[in-house]
Amino acid sequence: MPTDSIIYNIPAELIEGYRGRRIIVRAYDPAKLVSSLSGRGLENLHFVQILTLAADATALAAWGEGVPIDLVMYEPEVELARLHNHAKLLNKHPVRVSIPVRRGLADAIKAAISLQFAVRLTVGQPRSDEIAQMLESLKIYLEKSAAAQPVEFYQSTMQAIFRHTDENLWAIQEEDPAKYRYVTSQGQEIISPRFLEARPYPGKRLDSFVTDFHQSLIKERRECSHCEFVDHCMGYFKWPNKDFICAGGVRELFSRLKNAAGDLTYDMEEYASMKGGMR
C-alpha cells in the first residue's frame, strides 16, 4: 500500500515530521492542539483526538469548523458526567467518544447516544463481566430509537454481515496497520496503544500483520479455523493471547449482530415486496 494512503495517529508535537501525510493529531490539551494546527491546511487531517475528558474544550468550540473530534474516555463509571461538558462541540464538529470496555460502559453509551455523540468501543480481550457490559450495550444500541449515531464496532460489523463485505474488526477499530499507524511520542510506528508489543512476523512487513496473524491462527487450528465469523474478526480477539476463548462470549456478540443483520434483510425484503404490490 502506498505510504500516502496510510493514516498516521501522531502526537501534536510531531506534526512537522508528517507534513503532507494523512494524519490524526492527538493531545491532552485542546489549546496545544489548535496551536499546532493553526495556519495549516486541514485537507489531510482525518480527525483530532483529545486524550482526556477533563480538558477544557473551549479552544476547539470555535476552531476548524467541521473537523471531526474524538474524545477519549478511560473510566466510564467515573467520567460519564464529563460528557455533558463537551456537548457544545456538536455545534461545529462531528464528535465521537472512544469508550473502553470497563464497568459503566452501558451507561456511558446511553449518555453518549442521548447527547448525539458517535461511539467507538476500545476493547481488548474481555473478561466475562466485560462481555456482559458489551451485550447490554449492544442491546441498547439495537433497541434504542434515539441512536442516531453509530456505535462501533457494532454498526460496521452488522453492515458487513448484511452486505456480505469483507470489512473486518482491525479496520473498523482503526488498528489495521495497512491503513492506520499509531506513532508513539518517541516516533515509533506501531499498530495502536492496545498493541504496544505487536511487531511484524519474521520476513513480513507491518502492513501484512493482520493477514499473517490470521493465517497463523488458521494454521495452528485454533478457534478461528472453524469459526463462522472469522472473516469479520480476522483474529482480532486473539491478540495478544492466542489462547483467549471466544466461545460463549465474543461469539455471542457476533451471533446477535448476525441476527440483527438477518432482521434487517427480512425488513428490506418485506418493504420491497410491499412496494412492488402497491404498483
Protein backbone atom coordinates (compact mmCIF):
# COMPACT_ATOMS: atom_id res chain seq x y z
CA MET A 1 0.00 0.00 0.00
CA PRO A 2 1.41 3.45 -0.91
CA THR A 3 2.70 5.34 2.11
CA ASP A 4 0.47 8.35 1.40
CA SER A 5 -2.65 6.19 1.78
CA ILE A 6 -1.83 5.32 5.40
CA ILE A 7 -3.36 7.43 8.18
CA TYR A 8 -0.92 8.25 10.97
CA ASN A 9 -2.11 8.91 14.51
CA ILE A 10 0.52 11.31 15.82
CA PRO A 11 1.12 13.40 18.95
CA ALA A 12 0.79 17.12 18.27
CA GLU A 13 4.50 17.72 18.89
CA LEU A 14 5.50 15.51 15.94
CA ILE A 15 3.32 17.22 13.35
CA GLU A 16 6.23 18.74 11.40
CA GLY A 17 7.59 15.30 10.55
CA TYR A 18 4.29 14.28 8.94
CA ARG A 19 3.66 17.25 6.72
CA GLY A 20 1.73 16.13 3.61
CA ARG A 21 0.65 12.83 5.18
CA ARG A 22 -2.87 11.84 6.15
CA ILE A 23 -2.99 12.31 9.91
CA ILE A 24 -4.91 12.06 13.17
CA VAL A 25 -3.48 14.52 15.69
CA ARG A 26 -3.81 13.81 19.39
CA ALA A 27 -3.16 15.88 22.51
CA TYR A 28 -4.23 16.21 26.12
CA ASP A 29 -4.53 19.98 25.83
CA PRO A 30 -7.01 21.20 23.17
CA ALA A 31 -5.35 24.63 23.09
CA LYS A 32 -2.00 23.00 22.27
CA LEU A 33 -3.65 21.02 19.52
CA VAL A 34 -5.23 24.12 17.97
CA SER A 35 -1.90 25.94 18.17
CA SER A 36 -0.04 23.12 16.41
CA LEU A 37 -2.56 23.11 13.56
CA SER A 38 -3.06 26.86 13.16
CA GLY A 39 -2.08 28.24 9.80
CA ARG A 40 -2.11 24.80 8.18
CA GLY A 41 -4.36 23.37 5.55
CA LEU A 42 -6.64 20.80 7.12
CA GLU A 43 -7.29 18.74 3.98
CA ASN A 44 -5.08 15.85 5.20
CA LEU A 45 -6.46 15.92 8.74
CA HIS A 46 -8.61 12.84 9.37
CA PHE A 47 -9.68 13.91 12.85
CA VAL A 48 -8.28 15.25 16.12
CA GLN A 49 -8.17 13.28 19.35
CA ILE A 50 -8.48 14.75 22.84
CA LEU A 51 -6.91 12.36 25.32
CA THR A 52 -8.80 13.43 28.44
CA LEU A 53 -12.39 14.40 29.18
CA ALA A 54 -11.08 16.66 31.94
CA ALA A 55 -9.75 19.08 29.32
CA ASP A 56 -11.35 22.46 28.66
CA ALA A 57 -12.55 22.16 25.07
CA THR A 58 -13.36 25.86 24.64
CA ALA A 59 -10.46 26.28 22.20
CA LEU A 60 -12.00 23.65 19.90
CA ALA A 61 -15.53 25.03 20.01
CA ALA A 62 -14.63 27.99 17.80
CA TRP A 63 -11.93 26.30 15.69
CA GLY A 64 -11.79 24.32 12.46
CA GLU A 65 -15.48 24.09 11.72
CA GLY A 66 -16.39 20.58 10.59
CA VAL A 67 -13.19 18.86 11.78
CA PRO A 68 -14.19 15.57 13.47
CA ILE A 69 -13.22 15.21 17.14
CA ASP A 70 -12.60 12.00 19.07
CA LEU A 71 -12.91 12.28 22.85
CA VAL A 72 -11.05 9.56 24.74
CA MET A 73 -12.64 8.19 27.92
CA TYR A 74 -10.73 5.97 30.34
CA GLU A 75 -13.09 5.23 33.24
CA PRO A 76 -16.74 5.17 32.10
CA GLU A 77 -18.18 4.80 35.59
CA VAL A 78 -16.29 7.88 36.84
CA GLU A 79 -16.18 10.11 33.76
CA LEU A 80 -19.74 9.75 32.47
CA ALA A 81 -20.86 13.19 33.72
CA ARG A 82 -17.97 14.87 31.90
CA LEU A 83 -19.52 14.05 28.52
CA HIS A 84 -22.02 16.86 29.04
CA ASN A 85 -19.18 19.39 29.22
CA HIS A 86 -18.36 18.70 25.58
CA ALA A 87 -21.85 18.82 24.07
CA LYS A 88 -21.24 22.33 22.74
CA LEU A 89 -18.65 20.92 20.33
CA LEU A 90 -21.50 19.46 18.29
CA ASN A 91 -22.42 22.97 17.15
CA LYS A 92 -19.47 22.89 14.75
CA HIS A 93 -17.98 19.40 14.79
CA PRO A 94 -18.91 15.74 14.41
CA VAL A 95 -17.94 14.22 17.77
CA ARG A 96 -17.14 10.63 18.70
CA VAL A 97 -16.38 9.22 22.14
CA SER A 98 -13.95 6.31 22.45
CA ILE A 99 -15.17 4.30 25.45
CA PRO A 100 -13.22 1.41 26.99
CA VAL A 101 -14.97 -1.85 27.83
CA ARG A 102 -14.98 -1.42 31.59
CA ARG A 103 -17.53 -1.08 34.37
CA GLY A 104 -20.01 1.62 33.44
CA LEU A 105 -19.78 1.02 29.68
CA ALA A 106 -23.51 0.59 29.07
CA ASP A 107 -24.42 3.76 31.00
CA ALA A 108 -21.69 5.73 29.21
CA ILE A 109 -23.03 4.62 25.83
CA LYS A 110 -26.57 5.62 26.87
CA ALA A 111 -25.29 9.07 27.81
CA ALA A 112 -23.25 9.46 24.61
CA ILE A 113 -26.20 8.41 22.45
CA SER A 114 -28.53 10.83 24.22
CA LEU A 115 -26.05 13.64 23.53
CA GLN A 116 -25.87 12.63 19.84
CA PHE A 117 -22.22 11.56 20.03
CA ALA A 118 -20.96 8.69 17.92
CA VAL A 119 -19.26 5.92 19.91
CA ARG A 120 -16.30 3.61 19.41
CA LEU A 121 -15.61 0.85 21.90
CA THR A 122 -11.98 0.28 22.79
CA VAL A 123 -11.73 -3.40 23.64
CA GLY A 124 -9.01 -5.92 24.34
CA GLN A 125 -9.66 -9.50 25.41
CA PRO A 126 -12.78 -9.03 27.52
CA ARG A 127 -13.48 -10.89 30.74
CA SER A 128 -16.92 -12.35 31.42
CA ASP A 129 -18.10 -9.24 33.27
CA GLU A 130 -16.91 -7.06 30.39
CA ILE A 131 -18.70 -9.29 27.88
CA ALA A 132 -21.87 -8.74 29.92
CA GLN A 133 -21.33 -4.97 29.61
CA MET A 134 -20.87 -5.34 25.85
CA LEU A 135 -24.02 -7.43 25.45
CA GLU A 136 -26.01 -4.89 27.43
CA SER A 137 -24.63 -2.02 25.37
CA LEU A 138 -25.36 -3.89 22.12
CA LYS A 139 -28.95 -4.35 23.23
CA ILE A 140 -29.17 -0.62 23.94
CA TYR A 141 -27.82 0.20 20.50
CA LEU A 142 -30.11 -2.19 18.64
CA GLU A 143 -33.26 -1.22 20.51
CA LYS A 144 -32.81 2.46 21.36
CA SER A 145 -34.64 4.57 18.77
CA ALA A 146 -32.58 7.63 19.74
CA ALA A 147 -29.36 6.00 18.45
CA ALA A 148 -28.91 8.34 15.50
CA GLN A 149 -25.12 8.00 15.59
CA PRO A 150 -23.11 4.78 15.10
CA VAL A 151 -21.77 2.65 17.92
CA GLU A 152 -18.66 0.89 16.65
CA PHE A 153 -17.68 -1.83 16.19
CA TYR A 154 -21.32 -2.92 16.28
CA GLN A 155 -22.67 -0.93 13.35
CA SER A 156 -19.96 -1.60 10.78
CA THR A 157 -19.81 -5.31 11.65
CA MET A 158 -23.56 -5.64 11.31
CA GLN A 159 -23.42 -3.82 7.96
CA ALA A 160 -20.56 -6.04 6.75
CA ILE A 161 -22.61 -9.15 7.56
CA PHE A 162 -25.72 -7.64 5.96
CA ARG A 163 -23.90 -6.57 2.79
CA HIS A 164 -21.61 -9.62 2.62
CA THR A 165 -18.49 -7.44 2.52
CA ASP A 166 -15.07 -8.32 3.94
CA GLU A 167 -14.57 -5.33 6.26
CA ASN A 168 -13.08 -6.68 9.47
CA LEU A 169 -12.58 -5.55 13.05
CA TRP A 170 -8.96 -4.50 12.62
CA ALA A 171 -10.00 -1.90 10.03
CA ILE A 172 -13.23 -0.93 11.81
CA GLN A 173 -11.31 -0.33 15.04
CA GLU A 174 -8.61 1.67 13.18
CA GLU A 175 -5.93 -0.87 14.09
CA ASP A 176 -5.06 -2.42 10.72
CA PRO A 177 -1.50 -1.19 10.08
CA ALA A 178 -2.10 -1.46 6.34
CA LYS A 179 -4.42 1.52 6.82
CA TYR A 180 -3.54 3.07 10.19
CA ARG A 181 -0.30 3.59 12.10
CA TYR A 182 -0.09 4.79 15.68
CA VAL A 183 3.05 6.86 16.25
CA THR A 184 4.42 6.94 19.79
CA SER A 185 5.84 10.10 21.36
CA GLN A 186 9.27 8.64 20.52
CA GLY A 187 8.34 8.45 16.84
CA GLN A 188 7.94 4.66 16.65
CA GLU A 189 5.21 3.35 14.36
CA ILE A 190 3.07 0.64 15.97
CA ILE A 191 -0.44 -0.72 15.43
CA SER A 192 -2.21 1.00 18.33
CA PRO A 193 -1.84 1.66 22.06
CA ARG A 194 -3.60 -1.68 22.54
CA PHE A 195 -0.75 -3.42 20.71
CA LEU A 196 2.42 -1.94 22.16
CA GLU A 197 4.28 -5.21 21.62
CA ALA A 198 2.94 -6.02 18.15
CA ARG A 199 5.72 -6.45 15.60
CA PRO A 200 5.83 -7.79 12.04
CA TYR A 201 6.35 -11.52 11.70
CA PRO A 202 9.90 -12.52 10.66
CA GLY A 203 10.35 -11.73 7.00
CA LYS A 204 6.98 -9.91 6.85
CA ARG A 205 6.04 -6.26 6.79
CA LEU A 206 3.88 -4.37 9.27
CA ASP A 207 1.24 -3.76 6.62
CA SER A 208 0.71 -7.52 6.26
CA PHE A 209 0.46 -8.10 10.01
CA VAL A 210 -3.29 -8.80 10.10
CA THR A 211 -3.17 -11.34 7.26
CA ASP A 212 -0.07 -13.03 8.67
CA PHE A 213 -1.57 -13.24 12.16
CA HIS A 214 -4.87 -14.59 10.83
CA GLN A 215 -3.09 -17.24 8.76
CA SER A 216 -1.05 -18.32 11.76
CA LEU A 217 -4.25 -18.86 13.76
CA ILE A 218 -5.73 -21.00 11.00
CA LYS A 219 -2.52 -22.97 10.55
CA GLU A 220 -2.39 -23.68 14.28
CA ARG A 221 -6.01 -24.91 14.13
CA ARG A 222 -7.23 -22.58 16.82
CA GLU A 223 -10.87 -21.50 17.28
CA CYS A 224 -10.63 -19.29 14.20
CA SER A 225 -10.21 -22.31 11.91
CA HIS A 226 -13.84 -23.34 12.45
CA CYS A 227 -15.50 -20.02 13.37
CA GLU A 228 -18.20 -18.70 11.04
CA PHE A 229 -17.22 -15.12 11.91
CA VAL A 230 -13.52 -15.39 11.14
CA ASP A 231 -13.71 -13.21 8.02
CA HIS A 232 -15.26 -10.39 10.05
CA CYS A 233 -12.90 -10.76 13.02
CA MET A 234 -9.62 -11.92 11.44
CA GLY A 235 -8.34 -12.98 14.85
CA TYR A 236 -8.86 -9.56 16.44
CA PHE A 237 -9.73 -11.03 19.84
CA LYS A 238 -6.81 -13.47 19.76
CA TRP A 239 -4.22 -10.78 20.42
CA PRO A 240 -2.05 -10.71 22.43
CA ASN A 241 -3.05 -14.08 23.94
CA LYS A 242 -3.82 -16.61 21.21
CA ASP A 243 -5.39 -18.90 23.82
CA PHE A 244 -8.19 -16.45 24.55
CA ILE A 245 -11.54 -18.28 24.27
CA CYS A 246 -14.19 -16.60 22.11
CA ALA A 247 -16.89 -19.27 22.55
CA GLY A 248 -19.73 -18.23 24.82
CA GLY A 249 -18.75 -14.56 24.88
CA VAL A 250 -17.36 -12.89 21.80
CA ARG A 251 -19.20 -15.36 19.57
CA GLU A 252 -22.46 -14.45 21.29
CA LEU A 253 -21.84 -10.82 20.33
CA PHE A 254 -21.28 -11.78 16.71
CA SER A 255 -24.33 -14.05 16.74
CA ARG A 256 -26.51 -11.19 17.90
CA LEU A 257 -25.08 -8.93 15.21
CA LYS A 258 -25.74 -11.66 12.64
CA ASN A 259 -29.35 -11.95 13.85
CA ALA A 260 -29.77 -8.18 13.65
CA ALA A 261 -28.41 -8.23 10.08
CA GLY A 262 -30.88 -11.03 9.29
CA ASP A 263 -33.75 -8.98 10.69
CA LEU A 264 -32.66 -6.06 8.54
CA THR A 265 -32.57 -8.30 5.45
CA TYR A 266 -36.09 -9.54 6.23
CA ASP A 267 -37.37 -5.97 6.71
CA MET A 268 -35.83 -4.87 3.41
CA GLU A 269 -37.39 -7.81 1.58
CA GLU A 270 -40.79 -7.13 3.16
CA TYR A 271 -40.55 -3.47 2.17
CA ALA A 272 -39.60 -4.34 -1.40
CA SER A 273 -42.47 -6.81 -1.58
CA MET A 274 -44.95 -4.30 -0.21
CA LYS A 275 -43.72 -1.57 -2.52
CA GLY A 276 -43.99 -3.92 -5.52
CA GLY A 277 -47.56 -4.84 -4.57
CA MET A 278 -48.61 -1.20 -4.48
CA ARG A 279 -47.79 -0.64 -8.15
